[in-house]
Amino acid sequence: MARPKISIIGAGNVGANTALFLFLKDLGDVTLYDIKGDMAAGKALDIMHLASIWGTNSQITGTGNIEDTSNSDLVVITAGKRRTADMTRDDLLAQNGEIITSLVDSIQQKSPNSFIIVVTNPLDAMAHLALEISNFESSRVMGMSGVLDAGRLAHFIREKHQVAIENILTTVLGGHGDSMVPVGSNSFIAGQPLDQVLEHDEIKEVIERTRGAGGEIIKLMGTSSMYAPAAAVWKMAQAILRDEKAILPCSVYLQGEYNLSDVFLSVPVLLGKGGVERIIELPLEKEELKALHNSAEEVKELTRKLNIN
C-alpha cells in the first residue's frame, strides 16, 4: 500500500514543527515547501537525521518548488505573514488572503483529491477563503484552531486544579481569537462539571487566559506559538489518515448547525477518512449559544472584507 503524502506549505516555526511531529509519528512521507527553498531543504535534512535515532522509516523532503507537492493526500497551510505583538489577527487579513488565494489555486490544480488543513491567521476566514478558491467539498477543508484552543484551556485548568491532564475534557467553540467561546457547561474534570470543581472566579480566569494565550506567548518570546499548533495539526492529520473517527473541535463550514450558516467556526466534528464526516451539535446554555452567534458575526465580518459571499 502506498504511503500517504503530506505536504506542508510554509517552513517557518509552525510548519517545521508540524513536519517534525508528522515525521516522528510516521503518518506518511512529508514534503516541506517554502519560497525559501534552501531553508526548507535544510530543515528537512535536519529532521531526516533523526530517523535512525528515533527509529522511523518516514521520509521528508524540503523544496522551493511547489510542483513537488503534487498528488498530496493532505496539505497543511501554515504560510503567511507573521503576527507581531502590536497586530491583531484581523490586521493580517488582506496580506494573508492574497497568499492563501495563490496557494490554494495551486493545491486544487496539483492535488485535486487532497484534504486541506489551514493554520494561517485569521484562521477561520482563511479556511473559508480556501474553501471558496478550491471549490472542494466542505468536508475536505478545515481549520486547526479548536484542538489548540481546547488544549490551552485544559492546561490552564490543570494549573488551577492539580490533576492528570487525561482527566480534563474541554470544549472551545467559535472563532479563533478574542471571540472564542470556552464552554464551561461541556468542560469536565474526571466527569465532574467544571463549576463543581473550580470557583466562579477561577473559571472566569482560565477562560480569559485561554482567549489571550496567543498574545501572551507573543509578548513572552516575540513570536507566535509553534509547538502546540503543530501538535494540533498532527492530531487532526492522524484522525484523517488513519480513519480514527476521532471527535475533535475543528473550524469547519456550518450549514445550519447551531442555527448558523455560511461561516467557518470551531465545533466538535467526527474526523475520519472522509475528512469532516459529521458535525456534532452540543446542547449549549443560552449565554453560550449567544456568545457563539456573536463570534460567528465577527468571523463573517472578516469574510465580507475578503469579498466571500
C-alpha atoms as a PDB file:
ATOM      1  CA  MET A   1       0.000   0.000   0.000  1.00  0.00           C
ATOM      2  CA  ALA A   2       1.317   3.446  -0.945  1.00  0.00           C
ATOM      3  CA  ARG A   3       2.251   5.663   1.958  1.00  0.00           C
ATOM      4  CA  PRO A   4       0.209   8.859   2.353  1.00  0.00           C
ATOM      5  CA  LYS A   5       1.818  12.006   1.009  1.00  0.00           C
ATOM      6  CA  ILE A   6       1.539  15.050   3.256  1.00  0.00           C
ATOM      7  CA  SER A   7       2.626  18.472   2.068  1.00  0.00           C
ATOM      8  CA  ILE A   8       3.258  21.353   4.445  1.00  0.00           C
ATOM      9  CA  ILE A   9       3.166  24.789   2.864  1.00  0.00           C
ATOM     10  CA  GLY A  10       5.429  27.082   4.843  1.00  0.00           C
ATOM     11  CA  ALA A  11       8.630  26.006   6.610  1.00  0.00           C
ATOM     12  CA  GLY A  12       8.553  28.551   9.413  1.00  0.00           C
ATOM     13  CA  ASN A  13       8.199  27.699  13.079  1.00  0.00           C
ATOM     14  CA  VAL A  14       4.764  26.076  12.855  1.00  0.00           C
ATOM     15  CA  GLY A  15       5.409  24.382   9.517  1.00  0.00           C
ATOM     16  CA  ALA A  16       8.750  22.897  10.520  1.00  0.00           C
ATOM     17  CA  ASN A  17       7.440  21.638  13.848  1.00  0.00           C
ATOM     18  CA  THR A  18       4.403  20.159  12.113  1.00  0.00           C
ATOM     19  CA  ALA A  19       6.771  18.326   9.783  1.00  0.00           C
ATOM     20  CA  LEU A  20       8.687  17.058  12.799  1.00  0.00           C
ATOM     21  CA  PHE A  21       5.561  15.741  14.558  1.00  0.00           C
ATOM     22  CA  LEU A  22       4.275  14.015  11.424  1.00  0.00           C
ATOM     23  CA  PHE A  23       7.707  12.506  10.781  1.00  0.00           C
ATOM     24  CA  LEU A  24       8.082  11.185  14.335  1.00  0.00           C
ATOM     25  CA  LYS A  25       4.568   9.742  14.266  1.00  0.00           C
ATOM     26  CA  ASP A  26       5.260   8.060  10.891  1.00  0.00           C
ATOM     27  CA  LEU A  27       1.988   9.199   9.337  1.00  0.00           C
ATOM     28  CA  GLY A  28       3.392   9.253   5.822  1.00  0.00           C
ATOM     29  CA  ASP A  29       6.026  10.902   3.677  1.00  0.00           C
ATOM     30  CA  VAL A  30       6.296  14.664   4.110  1.00  0.00           C
ATOM     31  CA  THR A  31       7.088  17.409   1.622  1.00  0.00           C
ATOM     32  CA  LEU A  32       8.045  20.692   3.294  1.00  0.00           C
ATOM     33  CA  TYR A  33       7.626  23.585   0.853  1.00  0.00           C
ATOM     34  CA  ASP A  34       8.681  27.204   1.267  1.00  0.00           C
ATOM     35  CA  ILE A  35       9.547  30.013  -1.096  1.00  0.00           C
ATOM     36  CA  LYS A  36      12.885  29.921   0.752  1.00  0.00           C
ATOM     37  CA  GLY A  37      13.728  26.540  -0.698  1.00  0.00           C
ATOM     38  CA  ASP A  38      17.141  26.187   0.911  1.00  0.00           C
ATOM     39  CA  MET A  39      15.672  26.797   4.357  1.00  0.00           C
ATOM     40  CA  ALA A  40      13.002  24.140   3.742  1.00  0.00           C
ATOM     41  CA  ALA A  41      15.634  21.708   2.452  1.00  0.00           C
ATOM     42  CA  GLY A  42      17.886  22.365   5.448  1.00  0.00           C
ATOM     43  CA  LYS A  43      15.131  21.815   7.984  1.00  0.00           C
ATOM     44  CA  ALA A  44      14.024  18.651   6.209  1.00  0.00           C
ATOM     45  CA  LEU A  45      17.588  17.318   6.201  1.00  0.00           C
ATOM     46  CA  ASP A  46      17.972  18.090   9.897  1.00  0.00           C
ATOM     47  CA  ILE A  47      14.760  16.157  10.646  1.00  0.00           C
ATOM     48  CA  MET A  48      15.857  13.245   8.436  1.00  0.00           C
ATOM     49  CA  HIS A  49      18.919  12.852  10.641  1.00  0.00           C
ATOM     50  CA  LEU A  50      16.508  11.779  13.387  1.00  0.00           C
ATOM     51  CA  ALA A  51      15.373   8.694  11.500  1.00  0.00           C
ATOM     52  CA  SER A  52      17.857   6.155  12.823  1.00  0.00           C
ATOM     53  CA  ILE A  53      17.866   7.731  16.282  1.00  0.00           C
ATOM     54  CA  TRP A  54      14.086   7.694  16.593  1.00  0.00           C
ATOM     55  CA  GLY A  55      13.528   4.512  14.616  1.00  0.00           C
ATOM     56  CA  THR A  56      11.253   5.670  11.820  1.00  0.00           C
ATOM     57  CA  ASN A  57      11.212   4.973   8.093  1.00  0.00           C
ATOM     58  CA  SER A  58       9.402   8.195   7.259  1.00  0.00           C
ATOM     59  CA  GLN A  59      10.786  10.390   4.516  1.00  0.00           C
ATOM     60  CA  ILE A  60      10.816  14.174   4.470  1.00  0.00           C
ATOM     61  CA  THR A  61      11.862  16.389   1.573  1.00  0.00           C
ATOM     62  CA  GLY A  62      12.370  20.144   1.647  1.00  0.00           C
ATOM     63  CA  THR A  63      11.785  22.151  -1.501  1.00  0.00           C
ATOM     64  CA  GLY A  64      11.216  25.547  -3.026  1.00  0.00           C
ATOM     65  CA  ASN A  65       9.331  24.083  -5.979  1.00  0.00           C
ATOM     66  CA  ILE A  66       5.557  23.959  -5.487  1.00  0.00           C
ATOM     67  CA  GLU A  67       5.373  21.207  -8.124  1.00  0.00           C
ATOM     68  CA  ASP A  68       6.908  18.843  -5.562  1.00  0.00           C
ATOM     69  CA  THR A  69       3.672  18.993  -3.565  1.00  0.00           C
ATOM     70  CA  SER A  70       1.689  17.412  -6.420  1.00  0.00           C
ATOM     71  CA  ASN A  71      -0.587  14.449  -5.686  1.00  0.00           C
ATOM     72  CA  SER A  72      -0.693  15.070  -1.954  1.00  0.00           C
ATOM     73  CA  ASP A  73      -3.271  13.296   0.167  1.00  0.00           C
ATOM     74  CA  LEU A  74      -3.214  16.034   2.781  1.00  0.00           C
ATOM     75  CA  VAL A  75      -1.985  19.630   2.548  1.00  0.00           C
ATOM     76  CA  VAL A  76      -1.310  21.768   5.618  1.00  0.00           C
ATOM     77  CA  ILE A  77      -1.098  25.525   5.021  1.00  0.00           C
ATOM     78  CA  THR A  78       0.985  27.399   7.567  1.00  0.00           C
ATOM     79  CA  ALA A  79       2.401  30.038   5.211  1.00  0.00           C
ATOM     80  CA  GLY A  80       1.549  33.654   5.809  1.00  0.00           C
ATOM     81  CA  LYS A  81       2.665  36.890   7.352  1.00  0.00           C
ATOM     82  CA  ARG A  82       3.640  36.528  10.989  1.00  0.00           C
ATOM     83  CA  ARG A  83       1.592  38.188  13.681  1.00  0.00           C
ATOM     84  CA  THR A  84       3.589  40.612  15.832  1.00  0.00           C
ATOM     85  CA  ALA A  85       2.792  41.928  19.318  1.00  0.00           C
ATOM     86  CA  ASP A  86       1.168  45.123  18.005  1.00  0.00           C
ATOM     87  CA  MET A  87      -1.030  43.294  15.480  1.00  0.00           C
ATOM     88  CA  THR A  88      -4.413  41.653  15.822  1.00  0.00           C
ATOM     89  CA  ARG A  89      -5.371  38.635  13.744  1.00  0.00           C
ATOM     90  CA  ASP A  90      -7.601  40.987  11.762  1.00  0.00           C
ATOM     91  CA  ASP A  91      -4.584  43.055  10.686  1.00  0.00           C
ATOM     92  CA  LEU A  92      -3.282  40.038   8.802  1.00  0.00           C
ATOM     93  CA  LEU A  93      -6.413  39.655   6.715  1.00  0.00           C
ATOM     94  CA  ALA A  94      -5.582  41.300   3.395  1.00  0.00           C
ATOM     95  CA  GLN A  95      -1.963  40.164   3.148  1.00  0.00           C
ATOM     96  CA  ASN A  96      -2.629  36.572   4.096  1.00  0.00           C
ATOM     97  CA  GLY A  97      -5.743  36.484   1.939  1.00  0.00           C
ATOM     98  CA  GLU A  98      -3.560  37.051  -1.118  1.00  0.00           C
ATOM     99  CA  ILE A  99      -1.167  34.315  -0.021  1.00  0.00           C
ATOM    100  CA  ILE A 100      -3.950  31.788   0.615  1.00  0.00           C
ATOM    101  CA  THR A 101      -5.599  32.567  -2.721  1.00  0.00           C
ATOM    102  CA  SER A 102      -2.388  31.860  -4.625  1.00  0.00           C
ATOM    103  CA  LEU A 103      -1.521  28.714  -2.666  1.00  0.00           C
ATOM    104  CA  VAL A 104      -4.961  27.126  -2.774  1.00  0.00           C
ATOM    105  CA  ASP A 105      -5.209  27.768  -6.502  1.00  0.00           C
ATOM    106  CA  SER A 106      -2.033  25.677  -6.865  1.00  0.00           C
ATOM    107  CA  ILE A 107      -3.285  22.991  -4.476  1.00  0.00           C
ATOM    108  CA  GLN A 108      -6.556  22.427  -6.291  1.00  0.00           C
ATOM    109  CA  GLN A 109      -4.653  22.024  -9.559  1.00  0.00           C
ATOM    110  CA  LYS A 110      -1.807  19.844  -8.299  1.00  0.00           C
ATOM    111  CA  SER A 111      -3.579  17.848  -5.550  1.00  0.00           C
ATOM    112  CA  PRO A 112      -7.265  17.840  -6.518  1.00  0.00           C
ATOM    113  CA  ASN A 113      -8.134  14.927  -4.222  1.00  0.00           C
ATOM    114  CA  SER A 114      -6.433  16.239  -1.106  1.00  0.00           C
ATOM    115  CA  PHE A 115      -7.686  17.390   2.263  1.00  0.00           C
ATOM    116  CA  ILE A 116      -6.666  20.887   3.379  1.00  0.00           C
ATOM    117  CA  ILE A 117      -5.913  21.946   6.951  1.00  0.00           C
ATOM    118  CA  VAL A 118      -5.497  25.711   7.314  1.00  0.00           C
ATOM    119  CA  VAL A 119      -3.326  27.154  10.090  1.00  0.00           C
ATOM    120  CA  THR A 120      -2.711  30.642   8.663  1.00  0.00           C
ATOM    121  CA  ASN A 121      -4.377  33.501  10.559  1.00  0.00           C
ATOM    122  CA  PRO A 122      -7.024  34.884  10.718  1.00  0.00           C
ATOM    123  CA  LEU A 123      -7.713  31.180  10.654  1.00  0.00           C
ATOM    124  CA  ASP A 124     -11.481  30.917  10.200  1.00  0.00           C
ATOM    125  CA  ALA A 125     -11.586  33.492   7.422  1.00  0.00           C
ATOM    126  CA  MET A 126      -8.586  31.886   5.695  1.00  0.00           C
ATOM    127  CA  ALA A 127     -10.260  28.457   5.867  1.00  0.00           C
ATOM    128  CA  HIS A 128     -13.405  29.951   4.316  1.00  0.00           C
ATOM    129  CA  LEU A 129     -11.310  31.536   1.573  1.00  0.00           C
ATOM    130  CA  ALA A 130      -9.557  28.202   0.957  1.00  0.00           C
ATOM    131  CA  LEU A 131     -12.928  26.500   0.516  1.00  0.00           C
ATOM    132  CA  GLU A 132     -14.064  29.189  -1.903  1.00  0.00           C
ATOM    133  CA  ILE A 133     -10.904  29.088  -4.033  1.00  0.00           C
ATOM    134  CA  SER A 134     -10.521  25.308  -4.072  1.00  0.00           C
ATOM    135  CA  ASN A 135     -14.171  24.533  -4.808  1.00  0.00           C
ATOM    136  CA  PHE A 136     -13.612  21.341  -2.777  1.00  0.00           C
ATOM    137  CA  GLU A 137     -16.364  19.706  -0.785  1.00  0.00           C
ATOM    138  CA  SER A 138     -16.642  21.373   2.631  1.00  0.00           C
ATOM    139  CA  SER A 139     -15.724  18.045   4.272  1.00  0.00           C
ATOM    140  CA  ARG A 140     -12.211  18.377   2.821  1.00  0.00           C
ATOM    141  CA  VAL A 141     -11.327  21.881   4.044  1.00  0.00           C
ATOM    142  CA  MET A 142     -10.922  22.708   7.729  1.00  0.00           C
ATOM    143  CA  GLY A 143      -9.041  24.914  10.170  1.00  0.00           C
ATOM    144  CA  MET A 144      -6.844  23.786  13.040  1.00  0.00           C
ATOM    145  CA  SER A 145      -7.832  26.137  15.863  1.00  0.00           C
ATOM    146  CA  GLY A 146     -10.267  24.197  18.065  1.00  0.00           C
ATOM    147  CA  VAL A 147      -7.814  21.474  19.048  1.00  0.00           C
ATOM    148  CA  LEU A 148      -5.251  24.117  20.022  1.00  0.00           C
ATOM    149  CA  ASP A 149      -7.698  26.262  21.999  1.00  0.00           C
ATOM    150  CA  ALA A 150      -9.138  23.266  23.867  1.00  0.00           C
ATOM    151  CA  GLY A 151      -5.605  22.191  24.748  1.00  0.00           C
ATOM    152  CA  ARG A 152      -4.805  25.629  26.104  1.00  0.00           C
ATOM    153  CA  LEU A 153      -7.941  25.630  28.245  1.00  0.00           C
ATOM    154  CA  ALA A 154      -7.078  22.185  29.611  1.00  0.00           C
ATOM    155  CA  HIS A 155      -3.614  23.392  30.593  1.00  0.00           C
ATOM    156  CA  PHE A 156      -4.916  26.415  32.454  1.00  0.00           C
ATOM    157  CA  ILE A 157      -7.461  24.258  34.274  1.00  0.00           C
ATOM    158  CA  ARG A 158      -4.678  21.886  35.311  1.00  0.00           C
ATOM    159  CA  GLU A 159      -2.753  24.821  36.747  1.00  0.00           C
ATOM    160  CA  LYS A 160      -5.744  25.616  38.964  1.00  0.00           C
ATOM    161  CA  HIS A 161      -6.634  22.045  39.892  1.00  0.00           C
ATOM    162  CA  GLN A 162      -3.715  19.635  40.080  1.00  0.00           C
ATOM    163  CA  VAL A 163      -4.966  16.543  38.277  1.00  0.00           C
ATOM    164  CA  ALA A 164      -3.673  14.347  35.448  1.00  0.00           C
ATOM    165  CA  ILE A 165      -4.296  16.027  32.100  1.00  0.00           C
ATOM    166  CA  GLU A 166      -6.127  12.962  30.746  1.00  0.00           C
ATOM    167  CA  ASN A 167      -8.832  13.599  33.358  1.00  0.00           C
ATOM    168  CA  ILE A 168      -9.605  17.016  31.889  1.00  0.00           C
ATOM    169  CA  LEU A 169     -12.048  17.313  28.978  1.00  0.00           C
ATOM    170  CA  THR A 170     -12.522  20.775  27.497  1.00  0.00           C
ATOM    171  CA  THR A 171     -14.649  22.314  24.762  1.00  0.00           C
ATOM    172  CA  VAL A 172     -13.893  25.559  22.937  1.00  0.00           C
ATOM    173  CA  LEU A 173     -16.188  26.755  20.157  1.00  0.00           C
ATOM    174  CA  GLY A 174     -16.326  29.729  17.819  1.00  0.00           C
ATOM    175  CA  GLY A 175     -13.733  31.795  16.053  1.00  0.00           C
ATOM    176  CA  HIS A 176     -10.015  31.583  16.735  1.00  0.00           C
ATOM    177  CA  GLY A 177      -9.420  34.831  18.553  1.00  0.00           C
ATOM    178  CA  ASP A 178     -10.859  37.064  21.217  1.00  0.00           C
ATOM    179  CA  SER A 179     -14.414  35.930  20.434  1.00  0.00           C
ATOM    180  CA  MET A 180     -13.724  32.213  21.028  1.00  0.00           C
ATOM    181  CA  VAL A 181     -16.205  30.519  23.366  1.00  0.00           C
ATOM    182  CA  PRO A 182     -14.692  28.235  26.028  1.00  0.00           C
ATOM    183  CA  VAL A 183     -17.737  26.185  27.041  1.00  0.00           C
ATOM    184  CA  GLY A 184     -17.863  25.606  30.769  1.00  0.00           C
ATOM    185  CA  SER A 185     -21.036  23.523  30.548  1.00  0.00           C
ATOM    186  CA  ASN A 186     -19.197  20.998  28.366  1.00  0.00           C
ATOM    187  CA  SER A 187     -15.851  21.005  30.173  1.00  0.00           C
ATOM    188  CA  PHE A 188     -15.191  18.411  32.851  1.00  0.00           C
ATOM    189  CA  ILE A 189     -12.639  17.243  35.395  1.00  0.00           C
ATOM    190  CA  ALA A 190     -12.873  13.472  35.871  1.00  0.00           C
ATOM    191  CA  GLY A 191     -16.505  13.616  34.776  1.00  0.00           C
ATOM    192  CA  GLN A 192     -17.407  16.456  37.120  1.00  0.00           C
ATOM    193  CA  PRO A 193     -18.696  19.693  35.560  1.00  0.00           C
ATOM    194  CA  LEU A 194     -16.165  22.477  35.769  1.00  0.00           C
ATOM    195  CA  ASP A 195     -18.353  24.603  38.044  1.00  0.00           C
ATOM    196  CA  GLN A 196     -18.417  21.821  40.633  1.00  0.00           C
ATOM    197  CA  VAL A 197     -14.644  21.808  40.935  1.00  0.00           C
ATOM    198  CA  LEU A 198     -13.477  25.379  40.336  1.00  0.00           C
ATOM    199  CA  GLU A 199     -14.780  28.604  41.815  1.00  0.00           C
ATOM    200  CA  HIS A 200     -16.602  31.062  39.561  1.00  0.00           C
ATOM    201  CA  ASP A 201     -13.657  33.477  39.559  1.00  0.00           C
ATOM    202  CA  GLU A 202     -11.256  30.646  38.728  1.00  0.00           C
ATOM    203  CA  ILE A 203     -13.378  29.590  35.755  1.00  0.00           C
ATOM    204  CA  LYS A 204     -13.512  33.177  34.533  1.00  0.00           C
ATOM    205  CA  GLU A 205      -9.736  33.451  34.871  1.00  0.00           C
ATOM    206  CA  VAL A 206      -8.931  30.275  32.881  1.00  0.00           C
ATOM    207  CA  ILE A 207     -11.381  31.292  30.159  1.00  0.00           C
ATOM    208  CA  GLU A 208      -9.847  34.746  29.793  1.00  0.00           C
ATOM    209  CA  ARG A 209      -6.349  33.310  29.818  1.00  0.00           C
ATOM    210  CA  THR A 210      -7.327  30.875  27.055  1.00  0.00           C
ATOM    211  CA  ARG A 211      -8.652  33.730  24.924  1.00  0.00           C
ATOM    212  CA  GLY A 212      -5.423  35.665  25.377  1.00  0.00           C
ATOM    213  CA  ALA A 213      -2.993  32.746  25.210  1.00  0.00           C
ATOM    214  CA  GLY A 214      -1.684  33.533  21.750  1.00  0.00           C
ATOM    215  CA  GLY A 215      -0.936  37.134  22.654  1.00  0.00           C
ATOM    216  CA  GLU A 216       0.643  36.077  25.937  1.00  0.00           C
ATOM    217  CA  ILE A 217       3.120  33.850  24.097  1.00  0.00           C
ATOM    218  CA  ILE A 218       3.970  36.596  21.616  1.00  0.00           C
ATOM    219  CA  LYS A 219       4.721  39.019  24.450  1.00  0.00           C
ATOM    220  CA  LEU A 220       6.944  36.470  26.169  1.00  0.00           C
ATOM    221  CA  MET A 221       9.094  35.372  23.236  1.00  0.00           C
ATOM    222  CA  GLY A 222       8.445  37.866  20.449  1.00  0.00           C
ATOM    223  CA  THR A 223       6.862  35.388  18.062  1.00  0.00           C
ATOM    224  CA  SER A 224       3.709  33.317  17.873  1.00  0.00           C
ATOM    225  CA  SER A 225       3.277  29.822  19.283  1.00  0.00           C
ATOM    226  CA  MET A 226       4.665  26.886  17.331  1.00  0.00           C
ATOM    227  CA  TYR A 227       4.735  23.606  19.263  1.00  0.00           C
ATOM    228  CA  ALA A 228       1.099  23.330  20.347  1.00  0.00           C
ATOM    229  CA  PRO A 229      -0.300  24.357  16.920  1.00  0.00           C
ATOM    230  CA  ALA A 230       1.938  21.751  15.278  1.00  0.00           C
ATOM    231  CA  ALA A 231       0.719  19.076  17.687  1.00  0.00           C
ATOM    232  CA  ALA A 232      -2.876  20.067  16.951  1.00  0.00           C
ATOM    233  CA  VAL A 233      -2.300  19.576  13.212  1.00  0.00           C
ATOM    234  CA  TRP A 234      -0.731  16.175  13.873  1.00  0.00           C
ATOM    235  CA  LYS A 235      -3.803  15.088  15.869  1.00  0.00           C
ATOM    236  CA  MET A 236      -6.154  16.118  13.040  1.00  0.00           C
ATOM    237  CA  ALA A 237      -3.954  14.588  10.334  1.00  0.00           C
ATOM    238  CA  GLN A 238      -3.751  11.282  12.178  1.00  0.00           C
ATOM    239  CA  ALA A 239      -7.527  11.151  12.618  1.00  0.00           C
ATOM    240  CA  ILE A 240      -7.997  11.564   8.864  1.00  0.00           C
ATOM    241  CA  LEU A 241      -5.159   9.429   7.500  1.00  0.00           C
ATOM    242  CA  ARG A 242      -5.761   6.555   9.934  1.00  0.00           C
ATOM    243  CA  ASP A 243      -9.553   6.833   9.796  1.00  0.00           C
ATOM    244  CA  GLU A 244      -9.738   7.106  13.572  1.00  0.00           C
ATOM    245  CA  LYS A 245     -13.281   8.517  13.724  1.00  0.00           C
ATOM    246  CA  ALA A 246     -11.977  10.887  16.397  1.00  0.00           C
ATOM    247  CA  ILE A 247     -14.175  13.667  17.743  1.00  0.00           C
ATOM    248  CA  LEU A 248     -12.144  16.866  17.715  1.00  0.00           C
ATOM    249  CA  PRO A 249     -13.016  20.569  17.704  1.00  0.00           C
ATOM    250  CA  CYS A 250     -12.121  21.960  14.276  1.00  0.00           C
ATOM    251  CA  SER A 251     -13.005  25.056  12.297  1.00  0.00           C
ATOM    252  CA  VAL A 252     -15.473  23.828   9.685  1.00  0.00           C
ATOM    253  CA  TYR A 253     -18.126  25.209   7.355  1.00  0.00           C
ATOM    254  CA  LEU A 254     -21.502  25.374   9.067  1.00  0.00           C
ATOM    255  CA  GLN A 255     -24.670  24.949   7.047  1.00  0.00           C
ATOM    256  CA  GLY A 256     -27.449  25.227   9.613  1.00  0.00           C
ATOM    257  CA  GLU A 257     -25.762  23.648  12.630  1.00  0.00           C
ATOM    258  CA  TYR A 258     -26.179  25.714  15.810  1.00  0.00           C
ATOM    259  CA  ASN A 259     -28.579  27.826  13.703  1.00  0.00           C
ATOM    260  CA  LEU A 260     -25.583  29.218  11.843  1.00  0.00           C
ATOM    261  CA  SER A 261     -24.821  29.073   8.136  1.00  0.00           C
ATOM    262  CA  ASP A 262     -22.145  30.140   5.678  1.00  0.00           C
ATOM    263  CA  VAL A 263     -19.409  30.568   8.263  1.00  0.00           C
ATOM    264  CA  PHE A 264     -16.331  28.692   9.494  1.00  0.00           C
ATOM    265  CA  LEU A 265     -16.265  28.154  13.267  1.00  0.00           C
ATOM    266  CA  SER A 266     -14.710  25.602  15.594  1.00  0.00           C
ATOM    267  CA  VAL A 267     -17.213  22.971  16.686  1.00  0.00           C
ATOM    268  CA  PRO A 268     -16.822  19.275  17.549  1.00  0.00           C
ATOM    269  CA  VAL A 269     -16.616  17.100  14.440  1.00  0.00           C
ATOM    270  CA  LEU A 270     -16.010  13.448  13.654  1.00  0.00           C
ATOM    271  CA  LEU A 271     -12.789  13.161  11.632  1.00  0.00           C
ATOM    272  CA  GLY A 272     -12.024  10.107   9.524  1.00  0.00           C
ATOM    273  CA  LYS A 273     -11.048   9.038   6.031  1.00  0.00           C
ATOM    274  CA  GLY A 274     -13.829  11.219   4.627  1.00  0.00           C
ATOM    275  CA  GLY A 275     -12.477  14.281   6.397  1.00  0.00           C
ATOM    276  CA  VAL A 276     -15.243  16.033   8.307  1.00  0.00           C
ATOM    277  CA  GLU A 277     -17.686  13.121   8.406  1.00  0.00           C
ATOM    278  CA  ARG A 278     -20.132  14.614  10.889  1.00  0.00           C
ATOM    279  CA  ILE A 279     -20.659  17.898  12.716  1.00  0.00           C
ATOM    280  CA  ILE A 280     -21.757  17.400  16.313  1.00  0.00           C
ATOM    281  CA  GLU A 281     -24.219  19.829  17.897  1.00  0.00           C
ATOM    282  CA  LEU A 282     -23.750  20.176  21.631  1.00  0.00           C
ATOM    283  CA  PRO A 283     -26.510  21.344  23.954  1.00  0.00           C
ATOM    284  CA  LEU A 284     -25.445  24.848  24.966  1.00  0.00           C
ATOM    285  CA  GLU A 285     -26.642  27.172  27.668  1.00  0.00           C
ATOM    286  CA  LYS A 286     -28.409  30.308  26.465  1.00  0.00           C
ATOM    287  CA  GLU A 287     -25.435  32.577  27.098  1.00  0.00           C
ATOM    288  CA  GLU A 288     -23.016  30.159  25.432  1.00  0.00           C
ATOM    289  CA  LEU A 289     -25.161  29.976  22.297  1.00  0.00           C
ATOM    290  CA  LYS A 290     -25.409  33.759  22.250  1.00  0.00           C
ATOM    291  CA  ALA A 291     -21.631  34.046  22.534  1.00  0.00           C
ATOM    292  CA  LEU A 292     -21.217  31.555  19.679  1.00  0.00           C
ATOM    293  CA  HIS A 293     -23.504  33.622  17.460  1.00  0.00           C
ATOM    294  CA  ASN A 294     -21.590  36.773  18.374  1.00  0.00           C
ATOM    295  CA  SER A 295     -18.367  35.021  17.438  1.00  0.00           C
ATOM    296  CA  ALA A 296     -19.914  33.996  14.129  1.00  0.00           C
ATOM    297  CA  GLU A 297     -20.736  37.627  13.361  1.00  0.00           C
ATOM    298  CA  GLU A 298     -17.132  38.646  13.942  1.00  0.00           C
ATOM    299  CA  VAL A 299     -15.868  35.915  11.607  1.00  0.00           C
ATOM    300  CA  LYS A 300     -18.480  36.811   8.984  1.00  0.00           C
ATOM    301  CA  GLU A 301     -17.329  40.420   9.089  1.00  0.00           C
ATOM    302  CA  LEU A 302     -13.831  39.255   8.159  1.00  0.00           C
ATOM    303  CA  THR A 303     -15.087  37.106   5.301  1.00  0.00           C
ATOM    304  CA  ARG A 304     -17.105  40.034   3.983  1.00  0.00           C
ATOM    305  CA  LYS A 305     -13.905  42.048   3.838  1.00  0.00           C
ATOM    306  CA  LEU A 306     -12.448  39.246   1.705  1.00  0.00           C
ATOM    307  CA  ASN A 307     -15.493  39.525  -0.585  1.00  0.00           C
ATOM    308  CA  ILE A 308     -16.575  35.988   0.258  1.00  0.00           C
ATOM    309  CA  ASN A 309     -20.336  35.842  -0.238  1.00  0.00           C
END
